[in-house]
Amino acid sequence: GAIVRASWLPANVAAAIGELKSCAVASRVIDIEMLGRAAVGSGLVRINGEAKAQARAIEQLRRSAAFGNIVLRRGSTELKSLVDVWDGSAERQPLFASLKRALDPQGILNPGRGPI
């Protein structure tokens, strides 16, 4: 299955778990498992099922207000062709570009990799 890194506000852990349950039903994946630290607001989510169902689940989690960032850590080549690994949403691109300029002004660190 696919593995995604998820983040949430610690106060939203109940909403995040509820979203995972509804996501499994809506996207028709076999199952979704979460392992993380509720108080920290970060964890890994395993999404089992066929690639198109996994992609639907990832996109639903990214649209959810219960989660912050969803990054695909491990998945099939087919899944990676269906979803953006880094969740490079258009509204986040200026932030990523600004961080890149501040931390790597010469543009030499991992050019062409990552969300920017």
PDB file of N, CA and C in Angstrom:
ATOM      1  N   GLY A   1       0.817  -1.203   0.000  1.00  0.00           N
ATOM      2  CA  GLY A   1       0.000   0.000   0.000  1.00  0.00           C
ATOM      3  C   GLY A   1       0.851   1.253   0.000  1.00  0.00           C
ATOM      4  N   ALA A   2       0.188   2.357  -0.155  1.00  0.00           N
ATOM      5  CA  ALA A   2       0.846   3.661  -0.137  1.00  0.00           C
ATOM      6  C   ALA A   2       1.059   4.100   1.306  1.00  0.00           C
ATOM      7  N   ILE A   3       2.120   4.855   1.529  1.00  0.00           N
ATOM      8  CA  ILE A   3       2.399   5.449   2.839  1.00  0.00           C
ATOM      9  C   ILE A   3       2.472   6.960   2.653  1.00  0.00           C
ATOM     10  N   VAL A   4       1.682   7.694   3.433  1.00  0.00           N
ATOM     11  CA  VAL A   4       1.741   9.151   3.393  1.00  0.00           C
ATOM     12  C   VAL A   4       2.096   9.672   4.776  1.00  0.00           C
ATOM     13  N   ARG A   5       2.815  10.784   4.795  1.00  0.00           N
ATOM     14  CA  ARG A   5       3.108  11.512   6.035  1.00  0.00           C
ATOM     15  C   ARG A   5       2.003  12.548   6.169  1.00  0.00           C
ATOM     16  N   ALA A   6       1.342  12.548   7.313  1.00  0.00           N
ATOM     17  CA  ALA A   6       0.233  13.468   7.553  1.00  0.00           C
ATOM     18  C   ALA A   6       0.531  14.345   8.752  1.00  0.00           C
ATOM     19  N   SER A   7       0.002  15.550   8.716  1.00  0.00           N
ATOM     20  CA  SER A   7       0.105  16.433   9.875  1.00  0.00           C
ATOM     21  C   SER A   7      -1.280  16.989  10.185  1.00  0.00           C
ATOM     22  N   TRP A   8      -1.506  17.273  11.463  1.00  0.00           N
ATOM     23  CA  TRP A   8      -2.774  17.813  11.920  1.00  0.00           C
ATOM     24  C   TRP A   8      -2.507  18.599  13.190  1.00  0.00           C
ATOM     25  N   LEU A   9      -3.424  19.465  13.530  1.00  0.00           N
ATOM     26  CA  LEU A   9      -3.327  20.152  14.816  1.00  0.00           C
ATOM     27  C   LEU A   9      -3.686  19.146  15.901  1.00  0.00           C
ATOM     28  N   PRO A  10      -2.928  19.077  16.985  1.00  0.00           N
ATOM     29  CA  PRO A  10      -3.250  18.101  18.026  1.00  0.00           C
ATOM     30  C   PRO A  10      -4.700  18.175  18.501  1.00  0.00           C
ATOM     31  N   ALA A  11      -5.272  19.361  18.539  1.00  0.00           N
ATOM     32  CA  ALA A  11      -6.672  19.504  18.955  1.00  0.00           C
ATOM     33  C   ALA A  11      -7.635  18.883  17.941  1.00  0.00           C
ATOM     34  N   ASN A  12      -7.170  18.630  16.709  1.00  0.00           N
ATOM     35  CA  ASN A  12      -8.025  18.087  15.649  1.00  0.00           C
ATOM     36  C   ASN A  12      -7.872  16.581  15.461  1.00  0.00           C
ATOM     37  N   VAL A  13      -7.252  15.883  16.406  1.00  0.00           N
ATOM     38  CA  VAL A  13      -6.998  14.459  16.207  1.00  0.00           C
ATOM     39  C   VAL A  13      -8.292  13.675  16.001  1.00  0.00           C
ATOM     40  N   ALA A  14      -9.357  14.003  16.716  1.00  0.00           N
ATOM     41  CA  ALA A  14     -10.630  13.287  16.543  1.00  0.00           C
ATOM     42  C   ALA A  14     -11.183  13.525  15.139  1.00  0.00           C
ATOM     43  N   ALA A  15     -11.094  14.756  14.661  1.00  0.00           N
ATOM     44  CA  ALA A  15     -11.560  15.061  13.304  1.00  0.00           C
ATOM     45  C   ALA A  15     -10.702  14.344  12.273  1.00  0.00           C
ATOM     46  N   ALA A  16      -9.401  14.257  12.510  1.00  0.00           N
ATOM     47  CA  ALA A  16      -8.508  13.568  11.571  1.00  0.00           C
ATOM     48  C   ALA A  16      -8.852  12.082  11.488  1.00  0.00           C
ATOM     49  N   ILE A  17      -9.101  11.452  12.625  1.00  0.00           N
ATOM     50  CA  ILE A  17      -9.479  10.035  12.627  1.00  0.00           C
ATOM     51  C   ILE A  17     -10.815   9.843  11.930  1.00  0.00           C
ATOM     52  N   GLY A  18     -11.760  10.721  12.189  1.00  0.00           N
ATOM     53  CA  GLY A  18     -13.058  10.651  11.514  1.00  0.00           C
ATOM     54  C   GLY A  18     -12.916  10.808  10.010  1.00  0.00           C
ATOM     55  N   GLU A  19     -12.033  11.705   9.596  1.00  0.00           N
ATOM     56  CA  GLU A  19     -11.804  11.914   8.163  1.00  0.00           C
ATOM     57  C   GLU A  19     -11.199  10.672   7.525  1.00  0.00           C
ATOM     58  N   LEU A  20     -10.300  10.003   8.219  1.00  0.00           N
ATOM     59  CA  LEU A  20      -9.717   8.765   7.691  1.00  0.00           C
ATOM     60  C   LEU A  20     -10.792   7.709   7.474  1.00  0.00           C
ATOM     61  N   LYS A  21     -11.717   7.587   8.418  1.00  0.00           N
ATOM     62  CA  LYS A  21     -12.801   6.607   8.284  1.00  0.00           C
ATOM     63  C   LYS A  21     -13.679   6.929   7.079  1.00  0.00           C
ATOM     64  N   SER A  22     -14.079   8.187   6.943  1.00  0.00           N
ATOM     65  CA  SER A  22     -14.941   8.543   5.815  1.00  0.00           C
ATOM     66  C   SER A  22     -14.192   8.449   4.494  1.00  0.00           C
ATOM     67  N   CYS A  23     -12.898   8.710   4.535  1.00  0.00           N
ATOM     68  CA  CYS A  23     -12.068   8.627   3.338  1.00  0.00           C
ATOM     69  C   CYS A  23     -12.008   7.192   2.816  1.00  0.00           C
ATOM     70  N   ALA A  24     -11.893   6.233   3.713  1.00  0.00           N
ATOM     71  CA  ALA A  24     -11.830   4.827   3.312  1.00  0.00           C
ATOM     72  C   ALA A  24     -13.113   4.427   2.588  1.00  0.00           C
ATOM     73  N   VAL A  25     -14.249   4.885   3.086  1.00  0.00           N
ATOM     74  CA  VAL A  25     -15.532   4.551   2.472  1.00  0.00           C
ATOM     75  C   VAL A  25     -15.685   5.275   1.133  1.00  0.00           C
ATOM     76  N   ALA A  26     -15.425   6.578   1.122  1.00  0.00           N
ATOM     77  CA  ALA A  26     -15.649   7.380  -0.082  1.00  0.00           C
ATOM     78  C   ALA A  26     -14.732   6.999  -1.236  1.00  0.00           C
ATOM     79  N   SER A  27     -13.491   6.664  -0.939  1.00  0.00           N
ATOM     80  CA  SER A  27     -12.541   6.363  -2.011  1.00  0.00           C
ATOM     81  C   SER A  27     -12.512   4.876  -2.368  1.00  0.00           C
ATOM     82  N   ARG A  28     -13.220   4.070  -1.582  1.00  0.00           N
ATOM     83  CA  ARG A  28     -13.315   2.616  -1.807  1.00  0.00           C
ATOM     84  C   ARG A  28     -11.956   1.923  -1.729  1.00  0.00           C
ATOM     85  N   VAL A  29     -11.153   2.324  -0.743  1.00  0.00           N
ATOM     86  CA  VAL A  29      -9.890   1.628  -0.520  1.00  0.00           C
ATOM     87  C   VAL A  29     -10.153   0.443   0.404  1.00  0.00           C
ATOM     88  N   ILE A  30      -9.244  -0.494   0.414  1.00  0.00           N
ATOM     89  CA  ILE A  30      -9.427  -1.684   1.245  1.00  0.00           C
ATOM     90  C   ILE A  30      -9.393  -1.298   2.719  1.00  0.00           C
ATOM     91  N   ASP A  31      -8.380  -0.580   3.124  1.00  0.00           N
ATOM     92  CA  ASP A  31      -8.327  -0.080   4.496  1.00  0.00           C
ATOM     93  C   ASP A  31      -7.298   1.035   4.619  1.00  0.00           C
ATOM     94  N   ILE A  32      -7.450   1.792   5.696  1.00  0.00           N
ATOM     95  CA  ILE A  32      -6.526   2.879   6.014  1.00  0.00           C
ATOM     96  C   ILE A  32      -6.109   2.697   7.464  1.00  0.00           C
ATOM     97  N   GLU A  33      -4.795   2.755   7.714  1.00  0.00           N
ATOM     98  CA  GLU A  33      -4.268   2.645   9.070  1.00  0.00           C
ATOM     99  C   GLU A  33      -3.411   3.867   9.360  1.00  0.00           C
ATOM    100  N   MET A  34      -3.487   4.359  10.600  1.00  0.00           N
ATOM    101  CA  MET A  34      -2.682   5.515  10.977  1.00  0.00           C
ATOM    102  C   MET A  34      -1.822   5.162  12.185  1.00  0.00           C
ATOM    103  N   LEU A  35      -0.579   5.574  12.130  1.00  0.00           N
ATOM    104  CA  LEU A  35       0.347   5.425  13.240  1.00  0.00           C
ATOM    105  C   LEU A  35       0.984   6.787  13.453  1.00  0.00           C
ATOM    106  N   GLY A  36       0.832   7.336  14.636  1.00  0.00           N
ATOM    107  CA  GLY A  36       1.407   8.655  14.849  1.00  0.00           C
ATOM    108  C   GLY A  36       1.369   9.054  16.304  1.00  0.00           C
ATOM    109  N   ARG A  37       1.684  10.297  16.522  1.00  0.00           N
ATOM    110  CA  ARG A  37       1.684  10.869  17.861  1.00  0.00           C
ATOM    111  C   ARG A  37       0.648  11.978  17.898  1.00  0.00           C
ATOM    112  N   ALA A  38      -0.468  11.685  18.541  1.00  0.00           N
ATOM    113  CA  ALA A  38      -1.584  12.616  18.567  1.00  0.00           C
ATOM    114  C   ALA A  38      -1.181  13.975  19.137  1.00  0.00           C
ATOM    115  N   ALA A  39      -0.388  13.973  20.209  1.00  0.00           N
ATOM    116  CA  ALA A  39      -0.007  15.226  20.856  1.00  0.00           C
ATOM    117  C   ALA A  39       0.945  16.057  20.000  1.00  0.00           C
ATOM    118  N   VAL A  40       1.666  15.414  19.096  1.00  0.00           N
ATOM    119  CA  VAL A  40       2.593  16.115  18.219  1.00  0.00           C
ATOM    120  C   VAL A  40       1.875  16.582  16.951  1.00  0.00           C
ATOM    121  N   GLY A  41       0.892  15.810  16.514  1.00  0.00           N
ATOM    122  CA  GLY A  41       0.146  16.161  15.308  1.00  0.00           C
ATOM    123  C   GLY A  41       0.822  15.701  14.038  1.00  0.00           C
ATOM    124  N   SER A  42       1.450  14.535  14.095  1.00  0.00           N
ATOM    125  CA  SER A  42       2.151  14.022  12.926  1.00  0.00           C
ATOM    126  C   SER A  42       2.134  12.506  12.945  1.00  0.00           C
ATOM    127  N   GLY A  43       2.046  11.912  11.762  1.00  0.00           N
ATOM    128  CA  GLY A  43       2.066  10.463  11.707  1.00  0.00           C
ATOM    129  C   GLY A  43       2.117   9.947  10.289  1.00  0.00           C
ATOM    130  N   LEU A  44       2.110   8.633  10.190  1.00  0.00           N
ATOM    131  CA  LEU A  44       2.101   7.961   8.897  1.00  0.00           C
ATOM    132  C   LEU A  44       0.743   7.302   8.701  1.00  0.00           C
ATOM    133  N   VAL A  45       0.276   7.322   7.468  1.00  0.00           N
ATOM    134  CA  VAL A  45      -0.998   6.698   7.124  1.00  0.00           C
ATOM    135  C   VAL A  45      -0.724   5.711   5.998  1.00  0.00           C
ATOM    136  N   ARG A  46      -1.134   4.458   6.210  1.00  0.00           N
ATOM    137  CA  ARG A  46      -1.027   3.432   5.166  1.00  0.00           C
ATOM    138  C   ARG A  46      -2.391   3.336   4.483  1.00  0.00           C
ATOM    139  N   ILE A  47      -2.370   3.403   3.167  1.00  0.00           N
ATOM    140  CA  ILE A  47      -3.600   3.330   2.381  1.00  0.00           C
ATOM    141  C   ILE A  47      -3.481   2.121   1.461  1.00  0.00           C
ATOM    142  N   ASN A  48      -4.282   1.104   1.721  1.00  0.00           N
ATOM    143  CA  ASN A  48      -4.253  -0.123   0.924  1.00  0.00           C
ATOM    144  C   ASN A  48      -5.399  -0.135  -0.072  1.00  0.00           C
ATOM    145  N   GLY A  49      -5.121  -0.612  -1.258  1.00  0.00           N
ATOM    146  CA  GLY A  49      -6.128  -0.708  -2.301  1.00  0.00           C
ATOM    147  C   GLY A  49      -5.473  -0.510  -3.655  1.00  0.00           C
ATOM    148  N   GLU A  50      -6.287  -0.447  -4.681  1.00  0.00           N
ATOM    149  CA  GLU A  50      -5.734  -0.221  -6.018  1.00  0.00           C
ATOM    150  C   GLU A  50      -5.322   1.240  -6.168  1.00  0.00           C
ATOM    151  N   ALA A  51      -4.443   1.514  -7.108  1.00  0.00           N
ATOM    152  CA  ALA A  51      -3.809   2.836  -7.235  1.00  0.00           C
ATOM    153  C   ALA A  51      -4.815   3.972  -7.400  1.00  0.00           C
ATOM    154  N   LYS A  52      -5.855   3.774  -8.194  1.00  0.00           N
ATOM    155  CA  LYS A  52      -6.836   4.859  -8.392  1.00  0.00           C
ATOM    156  C   LYS A  52      -7.592   5.160  -7.101  1.00  0.00           C
ATOM    157  N   ALA A  53      -7.891   4.140  -6.322  1.00  0.00           N
ATOM    158  CA  ALA A  53      -8.562   4.351  -5.037  1.00  0.00           C
ATOM    159  C   ALA A  53      -7.617   5.050  -4.060  1.00  0.00           C
ATOM    160  N   GLN A  54      -6.341   4.668  -4.068  1.00  0.00           N
ATOM    161  CA  GLN A  54      -5.359   5.327  -3.215  1.00  0.00           C
ATOM    162  C   GLN A  54      -5.254   6.809  -3.590  1.00  0.00           C
ATOM    163  N   ALA A  55      -5.245   7.110  -4.868  1.00  0.00           N
ATOM    164  CA  ALA A  55      -5.158   8.500  -5.331  1.00  0.00           C
ATOM    165  C   ALA A  55      -6.372   9.292  -4.864  1.00  0.00           C
ATOM    166  N   ARG A  56      -7.567   8.699  -4.971  1.00  0.00           N
ATOM    167  CA  ARG A  56      -8.773   9.389  -4.488  1.00  0.00           C
ATOM    168  C   ARG A  56      -8.672   9.664  -2.990  1.00  0.00           C
ATOM    169  N   ALA A  57      -8.168   8.700  -2.237  1.00  0.00           N
ATOM    170  CA  ALA A  57      -8.030   8.870  -0.790  1.00  0.00           C
ATOM    171  C   ALA A  57      -7.051   9.998  -0.458  1.00  0.00           C
ATOM    172  N   ILE A  58      -5.922  10.017  -1.133  1.00  0.00           N
ATOM    173  CA  ILE A  58      -4.919  11.066  -0.888  1.00  0.00           C
ATOM    174  C   ILE A  58      -5.487  12.438  -1.210  1.00  0.00           C
ATOM    175  N   GLU A  59      -6.164  12.555  -2.324  1.00  0.00           N
ATOM    176  CA  GLU A  59      -6.753  13.849  -2.694  1.00  0.00           C
ATOM    177  C   GLU A  59      -7.817  14.281  -1.685  1.00  0.00           C
ATOM    178  N   GLN A  60      -8.620  13.341  -1.184  1.00  0.00           N
ATOM    179  CA  GLN A  60      -9.627  13.684  -0.177  1.00  0.00           C
ATOM    180  C   GLN A  60      -8.962  14.162   1.107  1.00  0.00           C
ATOM    181  N   LEU A  61      -7.904  13.479   1.526  1.00  0.00           N
ATOM    182  CA  LEU A  61      -7.194  13.912   2.733  1.00  0.00           C
ATOM    183  C   LEU A  61      -6.597  15.302   2.541  1.00  0.00           C
ATOM    184  N   ARG A  62      -6.103  15.597   1.366  1.00  0.00           N
ATOM    185  CA  ARG A  62      -5.518  16.922   1.096  1.00  0.00           C
ATOM    186  C   ARG A  62      -6.572  18.019   1.103  1.00  0.00           C
ATOM    187  N   ARG A  63      -7.800  17.691   0.736  1.00  0.00           N
ATOM    188  CA  ARG A  63      -8.884  18.688   0.746  1.00  0.00           C
ATOM    189  C   ARG A  63      -9.469  18.886   2.138  1.00  0.00           C
ATOM    190  N   SER A  64      -9.211  17.975   3.044  1.00  0.00           N
ATOM    191  CA  SER A  64      -9.809  17.989   4.375  1.00  0.00           C
ATOM    192  C   SER A  64      -9.244  19.109   5.244  1.00  0.00           C
ATOM    193  N   ALA A  65     -10.123  19.748   5.989  1.00  0.00           N
ATOM    194  CA  ALA A  65      -9.689  20.773   6.940  1.00  0.00           C
ATOM    195  C   ALA A  65      -9.050  20.149   8.177  1.00  0.00           C
ATOM    196  N   ALA A  66      -9.231  18.842   8.375  1.00  0.00           N
ATOM    197  CA  ALA A  66      -8.686  18.164   9.556  1.00  0.00           C
ATOM    198  C   ALA A  66      -7.171  17.973   9.462  1.00  0.00           C
ATOM    199  N   PHE A  67      -6.645  17.961   8.233  1.00  0.00           N
ATOM    200  CA  PHE A  67      -5.219  17.717   8.036  1.00  0.00           C
ATOM    201  C   PHE A  67      -4.526  18.965   7.511  1.00  0.00           C
ATOM    202  N   GLY A  68      -3.234  19.061   7.798  1.00  0.00           N
ATOM    203  CA  GLY A  68      -2.427  20.145   7.261  1.00  0.00           C
ATOM    204  C   GLY A  68      -1.760  19.700   5.981  1.00  0.00           C
ATOM    205  N   ASN A  69      -0.666  18.984   6.109  1.00  0.00           N
ATOM    206  CA  ASN A  69       0.128  18.581   4.956  1.00  0.00           C
ATOM    207  C   ASN A  69       0.053  17.070   4.772  1.00  0.00           C
ATOM    208  N   ILE A  70      -0.106  16.633   3.534  1.00  0.00           N
ATOM    209  CA  ILE A  70      -0.126  15.208   3.193  1.00  0.00           C
ATOM    210  C   ILE A  70       0.925  14.996   2.102  1.00  0.00           C
ATOM    211  N   VAL A  71       1.967  14.228   2.415  1.00  0.00           N
ATOM    212  CA  VAL A  71       3.059  13.974   1.474  1.00  0.00           C
ATOM    213  C   VAL A  71       3.156  12.472   1.234  1.00  0.00           C
ATOM    214  N   LEU A  72       3.187  12.082  -0.020  1.00  0.00           N
ATOM    215  CA  LEU A  72       3.323  10.670  -0.368  1.00  0.00           C
ATOM    216  C   LEU A  72       4.757  10.240  -0.107  1.00  0.00           C
ATOM    217  N   ARG A  73       4.934   9.320   0.830  1.00  0.00           N
ATOM    218  CA  ARG A  73       6.278   8.829   1.164  1.00  0.00           C
ATOM    219  C   ARG A  73       6.638   7.592   0.356  1.00  0.00           C
ATOM    220  N   ARG A  74       5.646   6.716   0.126  1.00  0.00           N
ATOM    221  CA  ARG A  74       5.901   5.495  -0.627  1.00  0.00           C
ATOM    222  C   ARG A  74       4.645   5.136  -1.402  1.00  0.00           C
ATOM    223  N   GLY A  75       4.829   4.789  -2.659  1.00  0.00           N
ATOM    224  CA  GLY A  75       3.703   4.386  -3.491  1.00  0.00           C
ATOM    225  C   GLY A  75       4.201   3.832  -4.807  1.00  0.00           C
ATOM    226  N   SER A  76       3.308   3.187  -5.513  1.00  0.00           N
ATOM    227  CA  SER A  76       3.658   2.592  -6.800  1.00  0.00           C
ATOM    228  C   SER A  76       3.917   3.673  -7.842  1.00  0.00           C
ATOM    229  N   THR A  77       4.558   3.282  -8.915  1.00  0.00           N
ATOM    230  CA  THR A  77       4.797   4.204 -10.029  1.00  0.00           C
ATOM    231  C   THR A  77       3.472   4.708 -10.577  1.00  0.00           C
ATOM    232  N   GLU A  78       2.486   3.823 -10.648  1.00  0.00           N
ATOM    233  CA  GLU A  78       1.162   4.230 -11.142  1.00  0.00           C
ATOM    234  C   GLU A  78       0.552   5.296 -10.231  1.00  0.00           C
ATOM    235  N   LEU A  79       0.632   5.100  -8.922  1.00  0.00           N
ATOM    236  CA  LEU A  79       0.088   6.086  -7.987  1.00  0.00           C
ATOM    237  C   LEU A  79       0.805   7.422  -8.132  1.00  0.00           C
ATOM    238  N   LYS A  80       2.123   7.390  -8.260  1.00  0.00           N
ATOM    239  CA  LYS A  80       2.893   8.625  -8.398  1.00  0.00           C
ATOM    240  C   LYS A  80       2.555   9.362  -9.691  1.00  0.00           C
ATOM    241  N   SER A  81       2.065   8.648 -10.691  1.00  0.00           N
ATOM    242  CA  SER A  81       1.642   9.314 -11.923  1.00  0.00           C
ATOM    243  C   SER A  81       0.261   9.952 -11.765  1.00  0.00           C
ATOM    244  N   LEU A  82      -0.485   9.544 -10.729  1.00  0.00           N
ATOM    245  CA  LEU A  82      -1.843  10.047 -10.522  1.00  0.00           C
ATOM    246  C   LEU A  82      -1.923  11.210  -9.541  1.00  0.00           C
ATOM    247  N   VAL A  83      -0.971  11.292  -8.598  1.00  0.00           N
ATOM    248  CA  VAL A  83      -1.002  12.358  -7.585  1.00  0.00           C
ATOM    249  C   VAL A  83       0.358  13.030  -7.483  1.00  0.00           C
ATOM    250  N   ASP A  84       0.343  14.279  -7.050  1.00  0.00           N
ATOM    251  CA  ASP A  84       1.576  15.011  -6.785  1.00  0.00           C
ATOM    252  C   ASP A  84       2.154  14.492  -5.472  1.00  0.00           C
ATOM    253  N   VAL A  85       3.361  14.000  -5.499  1.00  0.00           N
ATOM    254  CA  VAL A  85       3.992  13.415  -4.315  1.00  0.00           C
ATOM    255  C   VAL A  85       4.070  14.438  -3.180  1.00  0.00           C
ATOM    256  N   TRP A  86       4.397  15.687  -3.508  1.00  0.00           N
ATOM    257  CA  TRP A  86       4.647  16.710  -2.492  1.00  0.00           C
ATOM    258  C   TRP A  86       3.438  17.566  -2.159  1.00  0.00           C
ATOM    259  N   ASP A  87       2.328  17.375  -2.826  1.00  0.00           N
ATOM    260  CA  ASP A  87       1.159  18.252  -2.636  1.00  0.00           C
ATOM    261  C   ASP A  87       1.556  19.698  -2.888  1.00  0.00           C
ATOM    262  N   GLY A  88       2.067  19.945  -4.058  1.00  0.00           N
ATOM    263  CA  GLY A  88       2.513  21.286  -4.427  1.00  0.00           C
ATOM    264  C   GLY A  88       1.358  22.180  -4.824  1.00  0.00           C
ATOM    265  N   SER A  89       0.379  22.315  -3.940  1.00  0.00           N
ATOM    266  CA  SER A  89      -0.776  23.163  -4.214  1.00  0.00           C
ATOM    267  C   SER A  89      -0.317  24.557  -4.607  1.00  0.00           C
ATOM    268  N   ALA A  90      -1.047  25.154  -5.521  1.00  0.00           N
ATOM    269  CA  ALA A  90      -0.661  26.465  -6.056  1.00  0.00           C
ATOM    270  C   ALA A  90      -0.500  27.516  -4.961  1.00  0.00           C
ATOM    271  N   GLU A  91      -1.348  27.471  -3.936  1.00  0.00           N
ATOM    272  CA  GLU A  91      -1.245  28.489  -2.885  1.00  0.00           C
ATOM    273  C   GLU A  91      -0.003  28.310  -2.019  1.00  0.00           C
ATOM    274  N   ARG A  92       0.618  27.123  -2.050  1.00  0.00           N
ATOM    275  CA  ARG A  92       1.826  26.889  -1.263  1.00  0.00           C
ATOM    276  C   ARG A  92       3.102  27.216  -2.029  1.00  0.00           C
ATOM    277  N   GLN A  93       3.037  27.297  -3.333  1.00  0.00           N
ATOM    278  CA  GLN A  93       4.238  27.499  -4.147  1.00  0.00           C
ATOM    279  C   GLN A  93       5.020  28.752  -3.781  1.00  0.00           C
ATOM    280  N   PRO A  94       4.373  29.909  -3.538  1.00  0.00           N
ATOM    281  CA  PRO A  94       5.168  31.081  -3.151  1.00  0.00           C
ATOM    282  C   PRO A  94       5.958  30.853  -1.853  1.00  0.00           C
ATOM    283  N   LEU A  95       5.365  30.141  -0.903  1.00  0.00           N
ATOM    284  CA  LEU A  95       6.062  29.833   0.341  1.00  0.00           C
ATOM    285  C   LEU A  95       7.266  28.932   0.076  1.00  0.00           C
ATOM    286  N   PHE A  96       7.069  27.863  -0.713  1.00  0.00           N
ATOM    287  CA  PHE A  96       8.169  26.958  -1.031  1.00  0.00           C
ATOM    288  C   PHE A  96       9.291  27.694  -1.762  1.00  0.00           C
ATOM    289  N   ALA A  97       8.923  28.542  -2.721  1.00  0.00           N
ATOM    290  CA  ALA A  97       9.931  29.287  -3.487  1.00  0.00           C
ATOM    291  C   ALA A  97      10.712  30.235  -2.584  1.00  0.00           C
ATOM    292  N   SER A  98      10.028  30.876  -1.649  1.00  0.00           N
ATOM    293  CA  SER A  98      10.690  31.794  -0.734  1.00  0.00           C
ATOM    294  C   SER A  98      11.664  31.055   0.196  1.00  0.00           C
ATOM    295  N   LEU A  99      11.255  29.889   0.677  1.00  0.00           N
ATOM    296  CA  LEU A  99      12.151  29.075   1.505  1.00  0.00           C
ATOM    297  C   LEU A  99      13.371  28.622   0.712  1.00  0.00           C
ATOM    298  N   LYS A 100      13.129  28.197  -0.514  1.00  0.00           N
ATOM    299  CA  LYS A 100      14.226  27.745  -1.368  1.00  0.00           C
ATOM    300  C   LYS A 100      15.242  28.874  -1.580  1.00  0.00           C
ATOM    301  N   ARG A 101      14.746  30.080  -1.887  1.00  0.00           N
ATOM    302  CA  ARG A 101      15.651  31.223  -2.094  1.00  0.00           C
ATOM    303  C   ARG A 101      16.426  31.555  -0.824  1.00  0.00           C
ATOM    304  N   ALA A 102      15.756  31.473   0.348  1.00  0.00           N
ATOM    305  CA  ALA A 102      16.414  31.817   1.611  1.00  0.00           C
ATOM    306  C   ALA A 102      17.454  30.773   2.015  1.00  0.00           C
ATOM    307  N   LEU A 103      17.144  29.503   1.818  1.00  0.00           N
ATOM    308  CA  LEU A 103      18.031  28.442   2.293  1.00  0.00           C
ATOM    309  C   LEU A 103      19.030  27.959   1.249  1.00  0.00           C
ATOM    310  N   ASP A 104      18.727  28.212  -0.021  1.00  0.00           N
ATOM    311  CA  ASP A 104      19.599  27.745  -1.097  1.00  0.00           C
ATOM    312  C   ASP A 104      19.667  28.809  -2.190  1.00  0.00           C
ATOM    313  N   PRO A 105      20.271  29.966  -1.879  1.00  0.00           N
ATOM    314  CA  PRO A 105      20.279  31.073  -2.840  1.00  0.00           C
ATOM    315  C   PRO A 105      20.985  30.747  -4.160  1.00  0.00           C
ATOM    316  N   GLN A 106      21.913  29.798  -4.150  1.00  0.00           N
ATOM    317  CA  GLN A 106      22.619  29.429  -5.378  1.00  0.00           C
ATOM    318  C   GLN A 106      21.858  28.378  -6.183  1.00  0.00           C
ATOM    319  N   GLY A 107      20.827  27.770  -5.592  1.00  0.00           N
ATOM    320  CA  GLY A 107      20.031  26.769  -6.290  1.00  0.00           C
ATOM    321  C   GLY A 107      20.776  25.480  -6.587  1.00  0.00           C
ATOM    322  N   ILE A 108      21.661  25.080  -5.665  1.00  0.00           N
ATOM    323  CA  ILE A 108      22.479  23.895  -5.935  1.00  0.00           C
ATOM    324  C   ILE A 108      22.013  22.633  -5.199  1.00  0.00           C
ATOM    325  N   LEU A 109      21.132  22.788  -4.218  1.00  0.00           N
ATOM    326  CA  LEU A 109      20.688  21.638  -3.434  1.00  0.00           C
ATOM    327  C   LEU A 109      19.488  20.963  -4.109  1.00  0.00           C
ATOM    328  N   ASN A 110      19.677  19.722  -4.522  1.00  0.00           N
ATOM    329  CA  ASN A 110      18.619  18.926  -5.136  1.00  0.00           C
ATOM    330  C   ASN A 110      17.834  19.684  -6.207  1.00  0.00           C
ATOM    331  N   PRO A 111      18.504  20.208  -7.223  1.00  0.00           N
ATOM    332  CA  PRO A 111      17.765  20.950  -8.251  1.00  0.00           C
ATOM    333  C   PRO A 111      16.756  20.043  -8.937  1.00  0.00           C
ATOM    334  N   GLY A 112      15.529  20.548  -9.087  1.00  0.00           N
ATOM    335  CA  GLY A 112      14.473  19.802  -9.755  1.00  0.00           C
ATOM    336  C   GLY A 112      13.775  18.773  -8.884  1.00  0.00           C
ATOM    337  N   ARG A 113      14.154  18.678  -7.619  1.00  0.00           N
ATOM    338  CA  ARG A 113      13.509  17.719  -6.711  1.00  0.00           C
ATOM    339  C   ARG A 113      12.739  18.455  -5.643  1.00  0.00           C
ATOM    340  N   GLY A 114      11.764  17.808  -5.112  1.00  0.00           N
ATOM    341  CA  GLY A 114      10.983  18.402  -4.032  1.00  0.00           C
ATOM    342  C   GLY A 114       9.863  19.268  -4.578  1.00  0.00           C
ATOM    343  N   PRO A 115       9.216  19.980  -3.691  1.00  0.00           N
ATOM    344  CA  PRO A 115       8.038  20.737  -4.097  1.00  0.00           C
ATOM    345  C   PRO A 115       8.343  21.983  -4.918  1.00  0.00           C
ATOM    346  N   ILE A 116       9.630  22.326  -5.066  1.00  0.00           N
ATOM    347  CA  ILE A 116       9.962  23.518  -5.852  1.00  0.00           C
ATOM    348  C   ILE A 116      11.040  23.204  -6.867  1.00  0.00           C
TER     349      ILE A 116
END
